[in-house]
């Protein structure tokens, strides 16, 4: 029970931080929606992720692990279907420049928005889990 509660809170905090970092993730409804989203992500991680990983196993073997990345995208898509207050849409990265290093403006369509948001969400949640351990 303690592990499920911890997973729900970590997912909610990671969802909140990802929404603040990237403008492609919109969460309306405040903290209740964040906690509900964390709960749904925890349930999807327990039920849907093992099934999708098993289905994607042959593709995962051929692509050396790229299919696991696609599993995370599918889980985020299912989350946006279950909770209409959480939406992922296309967005424009405005670019970044520091000390002669320049990252130009780049437009992310819907698929790449899911991919970038899934990557940032996974990194943030892994960092939070690392802090708790």
N, C-alpha and C. Protein backbone atom coordinates (compact mmCIF):
# COMPACT_ATOMS: atom_id res chain seq x y z
N UNK A 1 0.82 -1.19 0.00
CA UNK A 1 0.00 0.00 0.00
C UNK A 1 0.86 1.26 0.00
N UNK A 2 1.95 1.20 0.80
CA UNK A 2 2.85 2.34 0.88
C UNK A 2 3.52 2.59 -0.47
N UNK A 3 3.86 1.53 -1.18
CA UNK A 3 4.51 1.66 -2.49
C UNK A 3 3.54 2.27 -3.51
N UNK A 4 2.28 1.86 -3.46
CA UNK A 4 1.29 2.41 -4.39
C UNK A 4 1.06 3.90 -4.12
N UNK A 5 1.00 4.27 -2.86
CA UNK A 5 0.81 5.68 -2.51
C UNK A 5 2.03 6.51 -2.94
N UNK A 6 3.23 5.97 -2.71
CA UNK A 6 4.44 6.66 -3.12
C UNK A 6 4.48 6.83 -4.64
N UNK A 7 4.11 5.81 -5.36
CA UNK A 7 4.09 5.87 -6.81
C UNK A 7 3.08 6.91 -7.31
N UNK A 8 1.92 6.98 -6.68
CA UNK A 8 0.91 7.97 -7.05
C UNK A 8 1.42 9.39 -6.82
N UNK A 9 2.05 9.63 -5.67
CA UNK A 9 2.55 10.97 -5.36
C UNK A 9 3.71 11.35 -6.29
N UNK A 10 4.61 10.41 -6.54
CA UNK A 10 5.74 10.69 -7.44
C UNK A 10 5.23 11.00 -8.84
N UNK A 11 4.27 10.23 -9.33
CA UNK A 11 3.71 10.50 -10.66
C UNK A 11 3.01 11.85 -10.71
N UNK A 12 2.30 12.21 -9.64
CA UNK A 12 1.61 13.51 -9.61
C UNK A 12 2.61 14.66 -9.60
N UNK A 13 3.67 14.54 -8.80
CA UNK A 13 4.68 15.60 -8.74
C UNK A 13 5.43 15.70 -10.07
N UNK A 14 5.77 14.55 -10.67
CA UNK A 14 6.45 14.56 -11.96
C UNK A 14 5.55 15.15 -13.05
N UNK A 15 4.27 14.87 -12.99
CA UNK A 15 3.32 15.44 -13.94
C UNK A 15 3.24 16.95 -13.78
N UNK A 16 3.23 17.42 -12.54
CA UNK A 16 3.17 18.85 -12.27
C UNK A 16 4.44 19.55 -12.76
N UNK A 17 5.60 18.98 -12.47
CA UNK A 17 6.85 19.60 -12.90
C UNK A 17 7.00 19.58 -14.42
N UNK A 18 6.57 18.51 -15.06
CA UNK A 18 6.63 18.44 -16.52
C UNK A 18 5.72 19.49 -17.14
N UNK A 19 4.56 19.69 -16.55
CA UNK A 19 3.63 20.71 -17.07
C UNK A 19 4.21 22.11 -16.90
N UNK A 20 5.01 22.33 -15.86
CA UNK A 20 5.62 23.64 -15.68
C UNK A 20 6.80 23.86 -16.61
N UNK A 21 7.51 22.78 -16.96
CA UNK A 21 8.69 22.91 -17.81
C UNK A 21 8.31 23.03 -19.28
N UNK A 22 7.41 22.16 -19.74
CA UNK A 22 7.05 22.12 -21.16
C UNK A 22 5.66 22.67 -21.37
N UNK A 23 5.51 23.52 -22.37
CA UNK A 23 4.20 24.13 -22.61
C UNK A 23 3.28 23.23 -23.43
N UNK A 24 3.73 22.08 -23.87
CA UNK A 24 2.88 21.18 -24.63
C UNK A 24 1.96 20.35 -23.76
N UNK A 25 2.22 20.33 -22.46
CA UNK A 25 1.39 19.58 -21.50
C UNK A 25 0.55 20.57 -20.71
N UNK A 26 -0.77 20.48 -20.91
CA UNK A 26 -1.69 21.36 -20.19
C UNK A 26 -2.49 20.53 -19.20
N UNK A 27 -2.46 20.97 -17.94
CA UNK A 27 -3.23 20.30 -16.90
C UNK A 27 -4.15 21.35 -16.29
N UNK A 28 -5.45 21.16 -16.46
CA UNK A 28 -6.42 22.09 -15.86
C UNK A 28 -7.15 21.36 -14.76
N UNK A 29 -7.39 22.05 -13.68
CA UNK A 29 -8.11 21.44 -12.58
C UNK A 29 -7.34 21.43 -11.28
N UNK A 30 -6.11 21.86 -11.29
CA UNK A 30 -5.34 22.01 -10.06
C UNK A 30 -4.79 20.71 -9.50
N UNK A 31 -4.64 20.71 -8.18
CA UNK A 31 -3.99 19.59 -7.50
C UNK A 31 -4.81 18.31 -7.56
N UNK A 32 -6.11 18.43 -7.58
CA UNK A 32 -6.96 17.24 -7.64
C UNK A 32 -6.72 16.50 -8.95
N UNK A 33 -6.62 17.23 -10.04
CA UNK A 33 -6.35 16.59 -11.33
C UNK A 33 -4.95 15.98 -11.35
N UNK A 34 -3.99 16.65 -10.71
CA UNK A 34 -2.63 16.10 -10.63
C UNK A 34 -2.62 14.78 -9.87
N UNK A 35 -3.30 14.74 -8.73
CA UNK A 35 -3.34 13.50 -7.95
C UNK A 35 -4.11 12.40 -8.69
N UNK A 36 -5.18 12.77 -9.35
CA UNK A 36 -5.94 11.81 -10.13
C UNK A 36 -5.10 11.28 -11.29
N UNK A 37 -4.34 12.18 -11.92
CA UNK A 37 -3.44 11.78 -12.99
C UNK A 37 -2.34 10.86 -12.49
N UNK A 38 -1.81 11.14 -11.30
CA UNK A 38 -0.80 10.27 -10.71
C UNK A 38 -1.36 8.90 -10.39
N UNK A 39 -2.60 8.86 -9.91
CA UNK A 39 -3.26 7.58 -9.62
C UNK A 39 -3.48 6.78 -10.90
N UNK A 40 -3.96 7.44 -11.94
CA UNK A 40 -4.20 6.75 -13.21
C UNK A 40 -2.89 6.27 -13.83
N UNK A 41 -1.84 7.09 -13.74
CA UNK A 41 -0.54 6.66 -14.25
C UNK A 41 0.00 5.46 -13.48
N UNK A 42 -0.23 5.43 -12.17
CA UNK A 42 0.19 4.29 -11.37
C UNK A 42 -0.56 3.03 -11.78
N UNK A 43 -1.85 3.15 -12.00
CA UNK A 43 -2.65 1.99 -12.42
C UNK A 43 -2.25 1.54 -13.82
N UNK A 44 -2.05 2.49 -14.72
CA UNK A 44 -1.61 2.13 -16.08
C UNK A 44 -0.23 1.48 -16.06
N UNK A 45 0.63 1.94 -15.17
CA UNK A 45 1.95 1.35 -15.04
C UNK A 45 1.90 -0.08 -14.51
N UNK A 46 0.92 -0.35 -13.67
CA UNK A 46 0.79 -1.70 -13.12
C UNK A 46 0.09 -2.67 -14.07
N UNK A 47 -0.87 -2.19 -14.82
CA UNK A 47 -1.68 -3.08 -15.65
C UNK A 47 -1.27 -3.04 -17.12
N UNK A 48 -1.23 -1.84 -17.69
CA UNK A 48 -1.04 -1.72 -19.14
C UNK A 48 0.43 -1.86 -19.57
N UNK A 49 1.36 -1.35 -18.76
CA UNK A 49 2.75 -1.37 -19.18
C UNK A 49 3.31 -2.79 -19.34
N UNK A 50 3.04 -3.74 -18.43
CA UNK A 50 3.55 -5.10 -18.68
C UNK A 50 2.94 -5.76 -19.91
N UNK A 51 1.66 -5.49 -20.16
CA UNK A 51 1.00 -6.07 -21.34
C UNK A 51 1.60 -5.49 -22.62
N UNK A 52 1.76 -4.17 -22.67
CA UNK A 52 2.35 -3.55 -23.85
C UNK A 52 3.80 -3.95 -24.04
N UNK A 53 4.54 -4.10 -22.95
CA UNK A 53 5.93 -4.52 -23.05
C UNK A 53 6.03 -5.94 -23.60
N UNK A 54 5.11 -6.80 -23.20
CA UNK A 54 5.11 -8.17 -23.71
C UNK A 54 4.73 -8.20 -25.19
N UNK A 55 3.75 -7.40 -25.58
CA UNK A 55 3.35 -7.34 -26.98
C UNK A 55 4.47 -6.76 -27.84
N UNK A 56 5.18 -5.77 -27.30
CA UNK A 56 6.23 -5.10 -28.06
C UNK A 56 7.59 -5.78 -27.92
N UNK A 57 7.65 -6.93 -27.26
CA UNK A 57 8.93 -7.61 -27.05
C UNK A 57 9.67 -7.94 -28.35
N UNK A 58 9.02 -8.51 -29.36
CA UNK A 58 9.77 -8.77 -30.60
C UNK A 58 10.31 -7.49 -31.25
N UNK A 59 9.50 -6.44 -31.26
CA UNK A 59 9.96 -5.17 -31.81
C UNK A 59 11.06 -4.57 -30.94
N UNK A 60 10.96 -4.77 -29.65
CA UNK A 60 11.97 -4.28 -28.72
C UNK A 60 13.31 -4.98 -28.94
N UNK A 61 13.27 -6.26 -29.25
CA UNK A 61 14.51 -7.00 -29.52
C UNK A 61 15.15 -6.55 -30.83
N UNK A 62 14.34 -6.29 -31.83
CA UNK A 62 14.86 -5.89 -33.13
C UNK A 62 15.43 -4.47 -33.08
N UNK A 63 14.77 -3.58 -32.35
CA UNK A 63 15.18 -2.18 -32.33
C UNK A 63 16.08 -1.83 -31.15
N UNK A 64 16.53 -2.84 -30.41
CA UNK A 64 17.44 -2.65 -29.27
C UNK A 64 16.88 -1.71 -28.21
N UNK A 65 15.61 -1.85 -27.89
CA UNK A 65 15.00 -1.12 -26.79
C UNK A 65 14.18 0.09 -27.16
N UNK A 66 14.06 0.43 -28.43
CA UNK A 66 13.29 1.61 -28.82
C UNK A 66 11.80 1.42 -28.58
N UNK A 67 11.31 0.20 -28.60
CA UNK A 67 9.89 -0.05 -28.40
C UNK A 67 9.45 0.29 -26.98
N UNK A 68 10.34 0.21 -26.02
CA UNK A 68 9.97 0.59 -24.65
C UNK A 68 9.67 2.09 -24.59
N UNK A 69 10.32 2.86 -25.42
CA UNK A 69 10.04 4.29 -25.54
C UNK A 69 8.62 4.50 -26.09
N UNK A 70 8.24 3.68 -27.05
CA UNK A 70 6.90 3.77 -27.62
C UNK A 70 5.82 3.35 -26.62
N UNK A 71 6.15 2.43 -25.73
CA UNK A 71 5.20 2.00 -24.70
C UNK A 71 4.87 3.19 -23.79
N UNK A 72 5.87 3.99 -23.44
CA UNK A 72 5.62 5.17 -22.61
C UNK A 72 4.74 6.19 -23.33
N UNK A 73 4.92 6.32 -24.63
CA UNK A 73 4.08 7.24 -25.42
C UNK A 73 2.63 6.75 -25.41
N UNK A 74 2.42 5.45 -25.56
CA UNK A 74 1.06 4.90 -25.55
C UNK A 74 0.41 5.10 -24.18
N UNK A 75 1.17 4.94 -23.12
CA UNK A 75 0.62 5.13 -21.77
C UNK A 75 0.21 6.59 -21.57
N UNK A 76 1.02 7.53 -22.03
CA UNK A 76 0.62 8.94 -21.93
C UNK A 76 -0.62 9.24 -22.77
N UNK A 77 -0.72 8.62 -23.94
CA UNK A 77 -1.90 8.82 -24.78
C UNK A 77 -3.15 8.29 -24.09
N UNK A 78 -3.05 7.12 -23.48
CA UNK A 78 -4.20 6.55 -22.76
C UNK A 78 -4.57 7.44 -21.57
N UNK A 79 -3.55 8.03 -20.91
CA UNK A 79 -3.82 8.95 -19.81
C UNK A 79 -4.64 10.15 -20.29
N UNK A 80 -4.29 10.70 -21.46
CA UNK A 80 -5.04 11.85 -21.97
C UNK A 80 -6.45 11.45 -22.42
N UNK A 81 -6.63 10.19 -22.77
CA UNK A 81 -7.98 9.73 -23.11
C UNK A 81 -8.84 9.55 -21.85
N UNK A 82 -8.25 9.07 -20.77
CA UNK A 82 -9.00 8.81 -19.54
C UNK A 82 -9.33 10.11 -18.82
N UNK A 83 -8.36 11.02 -18.75
CA UNK A 83 -8.55 12.28 -18.03
C UNK A 83 -8.56 13.43 -19.05
N UNK A 84 -9.72 13.98 -19.35
CA UNK A 84 -9.78 15.04 -20.35
C UNK A 84 -9.16 16.37 -19.89
N UNK A 85 -8.92 16.54 -18.59
CA UNK A 85 -8.29 17.77 -18.10
C UNK A 85 -6.79 17.79 -18.37
N UNK A 86 -6.22 16.65 -18.74
CA UNK A 86 -4.80 16.58 -19.09
C UNK A 86 -4.72 16.43 -20.61
N UNK A 87 -4.04 17.38 -21.24
CA UNK A 87 -3.94 17.38 -22.70
C UNK A 87 -2.49 17.58 -23.12
N UNK A 88 -2.11 16.87 -24.15
CA UNK A 88 -0.79 17.05 -24.76
C UNK A 88 -1.02 17.51 -26.18
N UNK A 89 -0.41 18.65 -26.51
CA UNK A 89 -0.61 19.21 -27.85
C UNK A 89 0.74 19.64 -28.42
N UNK A 90 0.72 19.96 -29.70
CA UNK A 90 1.94 20.41 -30.35
C UNK A 90 2.36 21.75 -29.78
N UNK A 91 3.68 21.99 -29.80
CA UNK A 91 4.18 23.23 -29.24
C UNK A 91 5.45 23.67 -29.96
N UNK A 92 5.84 24.92 -29.73
CA UNK A 92 7.01 25.51 -30.34
C UNK A 92 8.07 25.72 -29.27
N UNK A 93 9.24 25.11 -29.46
CA UNK A 93 10.39 25.38 -28.59
C UNK A 93 11.03 26.66 -29.09
N UNK A 94 11.15 27.66 -28.24
CA UNK A 94 11.58 28.98 -28.68
C UNK A 94 13.08 29.11 -28.88
N UNK A 95 13.82 28.08 -28.58
CA UNK A 95 15.26 28.13 -28.77
C UNK A 95 15.98 28.50 -27.50
N UNK A 96 17.30 28.33 -27.55
CA UNK A 96 18.12 28.60 -26.37
C UNK A 96 19.51 28.99 -26.84
N UNK A 97 20.11 29.96 -26.19
CA UNK A 97 21.45 30.39 -26.53
C UNK A 97 22.22 30.68 -25.25
N UNK A 98 23.43 30.11 -25.15
CA UNK A 98 24.25 30.34 -23.98
C UNK A 98 25.72 30.20 -24.38
N UNK A 99 26.46 31.25 -24.24
CA UNK A 99 27.90 31.22 -24.47
C UNK A 99 28.31 30.76 -25.86
N UNK A 100 27.59 31.15 -26.87
CA UNK A 100 27.91 30.76 -28.23
C UNK A 100 27.27 29.45 -28.66
N UNK A 101 26.67 28.73 -27.72
CA UNK A 101 25.96 27.49 -28.03
C UNK A 101 24.50 27.84 -28.29
N UNK A 102 24.02 27.50 -29.48
CA UNK A 102 22.68 27.91 -29.89
C UNK A 102 21.85 26.68 -30.25
N UNK A 103 20.67 26.60 -29.66
CA UNK A 103 19.67 25.61 -30.07
C UNK A 103 18.56 26.41 -30.76
N UNK A 104 18.32 26.15 -32.03
CA UNK A 104 17.36 26.97 -32.77
C UNK A 104 15.91 26.67 -32.38
N UNK A 105 15.01 27.54 -32.86
CA UNK A 105 13.58 27.29 -32.67
C UNK A 105 13.21 25.99 -33.37
N UNK A 106 12.27 25.26 -32.75
CA UNK A 106 11.87 24.00 -33.33
C UNK A 106 10.41 23.75 -32.99
N UNK A 107 9.65 23.32 -33.97
CA UNK A 107 8.23 23.02 -33.77
C UNK A 107 8.07 21.51 -33.59
N UNK A 108 7.41 21.12 -32.51
CA UNK A 108 7.14 19.71 -32.23
C UNK A 108 5.69 19.41 -32.59
N UNK A 109 5.47 18.48 -33.53
CA UNK A 109 4.10 18.08 -33.84
C UNK A 109 3.59 17.18 -32.70
N UNK A 110 2.40 16.66 -32.83
CA UNK A 110 1.77 15.93 -31.72
C UNK A 110 2.56 14.68 -31.32
N UNK A 111 3.03 13.90 -32.29
CA UNK A 111 3.77 12.68 -31.95
C UNK A 111 5.06 13.02 -31.21
N UNK A 112 5.82 14.00 -31.72
CA UNK A 112 7.06 14.36 -31.05
C UNK A 112 6.80 15.07 -29.73
N UNK A 113 5.65 15.74 -29.60
CA UNK A 113 5.29 16.33 -28.30
C UNK A 113 5.09 15.23 -27.27
N UNK A 114 4.40 14.15 -27.66
CA UNK A 114 4.24 13.01 -26.76
C UNK A 114 5.61 12.41 -26.42
N UNK A 115 6.49 12.32 -27.41
CA UNK A 115 7.81 11.73 -27.19
C UNK A 115 8.65 12.59 -26.24
N UNK A 116 8.68 13.89 -26.45
CA UNK A 116 9.48 14.78 -25.60
C UNK A 116 8.89 14.84 -24.19
N UNK A 117 7.58 14.96 -24.10
CA UNK A 117 6.94 15.03 -22.78
C UNK A 117 7.11 13.71 -22.04
N UNK A 118 7.01 12.58 -22.75
CA UNK A 118 7.25 11.28 -22.13
C UNK A 118 8.67 11.14 -21.62
N UNK A 119 9.63 11.64 -22.39
CA UNK A 119 11.04 11.56 -21.97
C UNK A 119 11.30 12.43 -20.75
N UNK A 120 10.79 13.65 -20.76
CA UNK A 120 10.99 14.55 -19.62
C UNK A 120 10.26 14.00 -18.38
N UNK A 121 9.05 13.49 -18.57
CA UNK A 121 8.31 12.91 -17.45
C UNK A 121 9.06 11.73 -16.86
N UNK A 122 9.60 10.85 -17.70
CA UNK A 122 10.34 9.69 -17.22
C UNK A 122 11.60 10.11 -16.47
N UNK A 123 12.29 11.11 -16.98
CA UNK A 123 13.51 11.58 -16.32
C UNK A 123 13.20 12.20 -14.95
N UNK A 124 12.15 12.99 -14.89
CA UNK A 124 11.78 13.63 -13.63
C UNK A 124 11.33 12.59 -12.61
N UNK A 125 10.50 11.64 -13.03
CA UNK A 125 10.03 10.63 -12.08
C UNK A 125 11.18 9.73 -11.63
N UNK A 126 12.12 9.40 -12.52
CA UNK A 126 13.28 8.60 -12.12
C UNK A 126 14.14 9.37 -11.12
N UNK A 127 14.29 10.69 -11.31
CA UNK A 127 15.05 11.50 -10.38
C UNK A 127 14.37 11.55 -9.01
N UNK A 128 13.06 11.68 -8.99
CA UNK A 128 12.34 11.73 -7.72
C UNK A 128 12.43 10.38 -7.00
N UNK A 129 12.30 9.27 -7.74
CA UNK A 129 12.46 7.94 -7.14
C UNK A 129 13.88 7.79 -6.58
N UNK A 130 14.87 8.32 -7.30
CA UNK A 130 16.25 8.23 -6.84
C UNK A 130 16.44 9.01 -5.53
N UNK A 131 15.78 10.15 -5.41
CA UNK A 131 15.87 10.94 -4.17
C UNK A 131 15.25 10.16 -3.01
N UNK A 132 14.12 9.49 -3.23
CA UNK A 132 13.46 8.74 -2.17
C UNK A 132 14.26 7.53 -1.72
N UNK A 133 15.09 6.99 -2.57
CA UNK A 133 15.85 5.77 -2.22
C UNK A 133 17.08 6.11 -1.50
